[in-house]
C-alpha atoms as a PDB file:
ATOM      1  CA  MET A   1     -25.199 -22.786 -46.864  1.00  0.00           C
ATOM      2  CA  ILE A   2     -25.236 -26.248 -48.278  1.00  0.00           C
ATOM      3  CA  PRO A   3     -28.587 -28.093 -47.929  1.00  0.00           C
ATOM      4  CA  ALA A   4     -26.840 -30.814 -45.893  1.00  0.00           C
ATOM      5  CA  GLN A   5     -25.965 -28.186 -43.269  1.00  0.00           C
ATOM      6  CA  PHE A   6     -29.633 -27.239 -42.974  1.00  0.00           C
ATOM      7  CA  ASP A   7     -30.433 -30.799 -41.901  1.00  0.00           C
ATOM      8  CA  GLY A   8     -28.504 -30.293 -38.675  1.00  0.00           C
ATOM      9  CA  LEU A   9     -30.217 -26.979 -37.953  1.00  0.00           C
ATOM     10  CA  MET A  10     -33.782 -28.051 -38.729  1.00  0.00           C
ATOM     11  CA  PRO A  11     -34.483 -29.657 -35.300  1.00  0.00           C
ATOM     12  CA  ILE A  12     -33.407 -26.412 -33.620  1.00  0.00           C
ATOM     13  CA  VAL A  13     -35.569 -24.290 -35.934  1.00  0.00           C
ATOM     14  CA  ILE A  14     -38.543 -26.610 -35.417  1.00  0.00           C
ATOM     15  CA  LEU A  15     -38.175 -26.511 -31.612  1.00  0.00           C
ATOM     16  CA  MET A  16     -37.853 -22.711 -31.651  1.00  0.00           C
ATOM     17  CA  GLY A  17     -41.017 -22.509 -33.757  1.00  0.00           C
ATOM     18  CA  ILE A  18     -42.884 -24.820 -31.383  1.00  0.00           C
ATOM     19  CA  ALA A  19     -41.699 -22.757 -28.391  1.00  0.00           C
ATOM     20  CA  ILE A  20     -42.877 -19.509 -29.987  1.00  0.00           C
ATOM     21  CA  LEU A  21     -46.227 -21.052 -30.931  1.00  0.00           C
ATOM     22  CA  LEU A  22     -46.727 -22.390 -27.388  1.00  0.00           C
ATOM     23  CA  PHE A  23     -45.913 -18.994 -25.886  1.00  0.00           C
ATOM     24  CA  VAL A  24     -48.145 -16.997 -28.221  1.00  0.00           C
ATOM     25  CA  GLY A  25     -50.919 -19.623 -28.071  1.00  0.00           C
ATOM     26  CA  GLY A  26     -50.839 -19.788 -24.280  1.00  0.00           C
ATOM     27  CA  HIS A  27     -50.976 -16.023 -24.001  1.00  0.00           C
ATOM     28  CA  PHE A  28     -53.847 -15.825 -26.484  1.00  0.00           C
ATOM     29  CA  VAL A  29     -55.837 -18.527 -24.661  1.00  0.00           C
ATOM     30  CA  SER A  30     -55.264 -16.840 -21.285  1.00  0.00           C
ATOM     31  CA  VAL A  31     -56.505 -13.510 -22.677  1.00  0.00           C
ATOM     32  CA  LEU A  32     -59.642 -15.219 -24.011  1.00  0.00           C
ATOM     33  CA  LEU A  33     -60.427 -17.328 -20.944  1.00  0.00           C
ATOM     34  CA  ALA A  34     -59.332 -15.100 -18.059  1.00  0.00           C
ATOM     35  CA  PRO A  35     -62.182 -13.472 -16.127  1.00  0.00           C
ATOM     36  CA  LYS A  36     -62.270  -9.715 -16.424  1.00  0.00           C
ATOM     37  CA  LYS A  37     -63.825  -8.410 -13.204  1.00  0.00           C
ATOM     38  CA  PRO A  38     -61.641  -5.544 -12.003  1.00  0.00           C
ATOM     39  CA  SER A  39     -62.253  -4.186  -8.521  1.00  0.00           C
ATOM     40  CA  HIS A  40     -60.536  -1.836  -6.101  1.00  0.00           C
ATOM     41  CA  LEU A  41     -59.314  -4.765  -4.013  1.00  0.00           C
ATOM     42  CA  LYS A  42     -57.786  -6.540  -7.017  1.00  0.00           C
ATOM     43  CA  GLU A  43     -55.950  -3.392  -8.062  1.00  0.00           C
ATOM     44  CA  THR A  44     -54.199  -2.937  -4.713  1.00  0.00           C
ATOM     45  CA  PRO A  45     -50.609  -4.178  -4.593  1.00  0.00           C
ATOM     46  CA  TYR A  46     -50.277  -7.572  -2.946  1.00  0.00           C
ATOM     47  CA  GLU A  47     -47.577  -7.892  -0.346  1.00  0.00           C
ATOM     48  CA  CYS A  48     -47.707 -11.006   1.826  1.00  0.00           C
ATOM     49  CA  GLY A  49     -51.334 -10.469   2.783  1.00  0.00           C
ATOM     50  CA  GLU A  50     -50.547  -7.177   4.497  1.00  0.00           C
ATOM     51  CA  GLN A  51     -52.381  -3.969   3.766  1.00  0.00           C
ATOM     52  CA  PRO A  52     -50.088  -1.568   1.929  1.00  0.00           C
ATOM     53  CA  ILE A  53     -49.075   1.401   4.055  1.00  0.00           C
ATOM     54  CA  GLY A  54     -47.469   4.473   2.587  1.00  0.00           C
ATOM     55  CA  SER A  55     -45.802   4.852  -0.766  1.00  0.00           C
ATOM     56  CA  ALA A  56     -44.289   2.000  -2.714  1.00  0.00           C
ATOM     57  CA  TRP A  57     -41.215   4.175  -3.215  1.00  0.00           C
ATOM     58  CA  SER A  58     -39.859   3.707   0.285  1.00  0.00           C
ATOM     59  CA  ALA A  59     -36.127   3.396   0.748  1.00  0.00           C
ATOM     60  CA  PHE A  60     -34.689   0.019   1.677  1.00  0.00           C
ATOM     61  CA  ASN A  61     -31.592  -0.488   3.725  1.00  0.00           C
ATOM     62  CA  VAL A  62     -28.554  -1.006   1.517  1.00  0.00           C
ATOM     63  CA  ARG A  63     -27.450  -3.841   3.829  1.00  0.00           C
ATOM     64  CA  PHE A  64     -30.045  -6.121   2.232  1.00  0.00           C
ATOM     65  CA  TYR A  65     -28.515  -5.666  -1.207  1.00  0.00           C
ATOM     66  CA  VAL A  66     -24.945  -6.074   0.058  1.00  0.00           C
ATOM     67  CA  VAL A  67     -25.742  -9.349   1.837  1.00  0.00           C
ATOM     68  CA  GLY A  68     -27.692 -10.536  -1.211  1.00  0.00           C
ATOM     69  CA  LEU A  69     -24.809  -9.774  -3.578  1.00  0.00           C
ATOM     70  CA  ILE A  70     -22.301 -11.470  -1.292  1.00  0.00           C
ATOM     71  CA  PHE A  71     -24.538 -14.544  -1.171  1.00  0.00           C
ATOM     72  CA  ILE A  72     -24.872 -14.646  -4.956  1.00  0.00           C
ATOM     73  CA  ILE A  73     -21.127 -14.235  -5.488  1.00  0.00           C
ATOM     74  CA  PHE A  74     -20.140 -17.018  -3.093  1.00  0.00           C
ATOM     75  CA  ASP A  75     -23.024 -19.243  -4.152  1.00  0.00           C
ATOM     76  CA  VAL A  76     -22.062 -19.082  -7.830  1.00  0.00           C
ATOM     77  CA  GLU A  77     -18.391 -19.631  -7.039  1.00  0.00           C
ATOM     78  CA  SER A  78     -19.167 -22.598  -4.813  1.00  0.00           C
ATOM     79  CA  VAL A  79     -21.291 -24.129  -7.583  1.00  0.00           C
ATOM     80  CA  LEU A  80     -18.195 -24.049  -9.787  1.00  0.00           C
ATOM     81  CA  MET A  81     -16.564 -26.575  -7.435  1.00  0.00           C
ATOM     82  CA  PHE A  82     -19.054 -29.361  -8.207  1.00  0.00           C
ATOM     83  CA  PRO A  83     -17.830 -30.183 -11.756  1.00  0.00           C
ATOM     84  CA  VAL A  84     -14.263 -30.533 -10.471  1.00  0.00           C
ATOM     85  CA  ALA A  85     -15.408 -32.766  -7.634  1.00  0.00           C
ATOM     86  CA  ALA A  86     -17.425 -34.868 -10.086  1.00  0.00           C
ATOM     87  CA  ILE A  87     -14.450 -35.623 -12.336  1.00  0.00           C
ATOM     88  CA  PHE A  88     -11.710 -35.627  -9.695  1.00  0.00           C
ATOM     89  CA  ARG A  89     -11.386 -39.432  -9.714  1.00  0.00           C
ATOM     90  CA  GLU A  90     -10.923 -39.399 -13.502  1.00  0.00           C
ATOM     91  CA  LEU A  91      -8.309 -36.659 -13.196  1.00  0.00           C
ATOM     92  CA  ASN A  92      -6.564 -38.685 -10.523  1.00  0.00           C
ATOM     93  CA  ASP A  93      -6.555 -41.775 -12.768  1.00  0.00           C
ATOM     94  CA  MET A  94      -4.971 -39.700 -15.573  1.00  0.00           C
ATOM     95  CA  GLY A  95      -2.215 -38.530 -13.227  1.00  0.00           C
ATOM     96  CA  GLU A  96      -3.539 -34.980 -12.931  1.00  0.00           C
ATOM     97  CA  GLY A  97      -5.036 -35.446  -9.449  1.00  0.00           C
ATOM     98  CA  GLY A  98      -2.292 -33.550  -7.606  1.00  0.00           C
ATOM     99  CA  TYR A  99      -2.538 -30.554  -9.910  1.00  0.00           C
ATOM    100  CA  ALA A 100      -6.347 -30.567  -9.724  1.00  0.00           C
ATOM    101  CA  LEU A 101      -6.188 -30.767  -5.922  1.00  0.00           C
ATOM    102  CA  ILE A 102      -3.805 -27.801  -5.728  1.00  0.00           C
ATOM    103  CA  VAL A 103      -6.025 -25.722  -8.032  1.00  0.00           C
ATOM    104  CA  PHE A 104      -9.135 -26.803  -6.117  1.00  0.00           C
ATOM    105  CA  LEU A 105      -7.613 -25.929  -2.733  1.00  0.00           C
ATOM    106  CA  SER A 106      -6.340 -22.578  -4.015  1.00  0.00           C
ATOM    107  CA  PHE A 107      -9.845 -21.790  -5.261  1.00  0.00           C
ATOM    108  CA  ILE A 108     -11.279 -22.697  -1.846  1.00  0.00           C
ATOM    109  CA  SER A 109      -8.622 -20.571  -0.129  1.00  0.00           C
ATOM    110  CA  VAL A 110      -9.626 -17.566  -2.252  1.00  0.00           C
ATOM    111  CA  LEU A 111     -13.264 -18.158  -1.245  1.00  0.00           C
ATOM    112  CA  LEU A 112     -12.307 -18.416   2.430  1.00  0.00           C
ATOM    113  CA  GLU A 113     -10.224 -15.247   2.209  1.00  0.00           C
ATOM    114  CA  GLY A 114     -13.170 -13.439   0.616  1.00  0.00           C
ATOM    115  CA  ILE A 115     -15.565 -14.619   3.320  1.00  0.00           C
ATOM    116  CA  ALA A 116     -13.060 -13.679   6.042  1.00  0.00           C
ATOM    117  CA  TYR A 117     -12.654 -10.227   4.481  1.00  0.00           C
ATOM    118  CA  CYS A 118     -16.427  -9.701   4.314  1.00  0.00           C
ATOM    119  CA  TRP A 119     -16.832 -10.952   7.869  1.00  0.00           C
ATOM    120  CA  LYS A 120     -14.034  -8.701   9.203  1.00  0.00           C
ATOM    121  CA  LYS A 121     -15.454  -5.722   7.353  1.00  0.00           C
ATOM    122  CA  GLY A 122     -18.873  -6.454   8.911  1.00  0.00           C
ATOM    123  CA  ASP A 123     -20.713  -6.971   5.643  1.00  0.00           C
ATOM    124  CA  LEU A 124     -22.293 -10.216   6.853  1.00  0.00           C
ATOM    125  CA  ASP A 125     -24.033  -8.569   9.815  1.00  0.00           C
ATOM    126  CA  TRP A 126     -27.672  -7.663   9.329  1.00  0.00           C
ATOM    127  CA  VAL A 127     -27.313  -4.719  11.681  1.00  0.00           C
ATOM    128  CA  LYS A 128     -23.979  -2.986  11.313  1.00  0.00           C
ATOM    129  CA  SER A 129     -22.898  -1.067  14.356  1.00  0.00           C
ATOM    130  CA  TYR A 130     -20.663   1.932  14.046  1.00  0.00           C
ATOM    131  CA  GLN A 131     -18.629   2.419  17.173  1.00  0.00           C
ATOM    132  CA  VAL A 132     -16.670   5.595  17.640  1.00  0.00           C
ATOM    133  CA  SER A 133     -13.587   5.188  19.752  1.00  0.00           C
ATOM    134  CA  VAL A 134     -13.285   7.763  22.486  1.00  0.00           C
ATOM    135  CA  LYS A 135      -9.762   8.557  23.698  1.00  0.00           C
ATOM    136  CA  ASN A 136      -9.180   9.936  27.166  1.00  0.00           C
ATOM    137  CA  ASN A 137      -7.451  13.280  27.002  1.00  0.00           C
ATOM    138  CA  LYS A 138      -5.684  13.673  30.358  1.00  0.00           C
END
């Protein structure tokens, strides 16, 4: 590399060095200054002030993870709408407002279809009920 190219990279290298020094220095200071008085109470797992009961390897309902993933998916996709909304006036002034509106509304329609699908499938319910249909055999 040419020395002139290093001039542009030096602020980044300096900031990375400072960040590493702060991390290592903070960890070193915390190891030196932290009190070391282990006890049985301190070694128990903390869970909202409740006494732990049973094994930590208990099975959780899969519904929690499904609802969490659905939330993350739609939350991230809805965050993608904010940049378009922020520059929509500029796009409109450039003559691209109609196209941006169509793309924006199609994106929202895909989100609404996804939410409707999840709702119809029952993935948004905390307690999913399984109903078996009984047919009368006469």
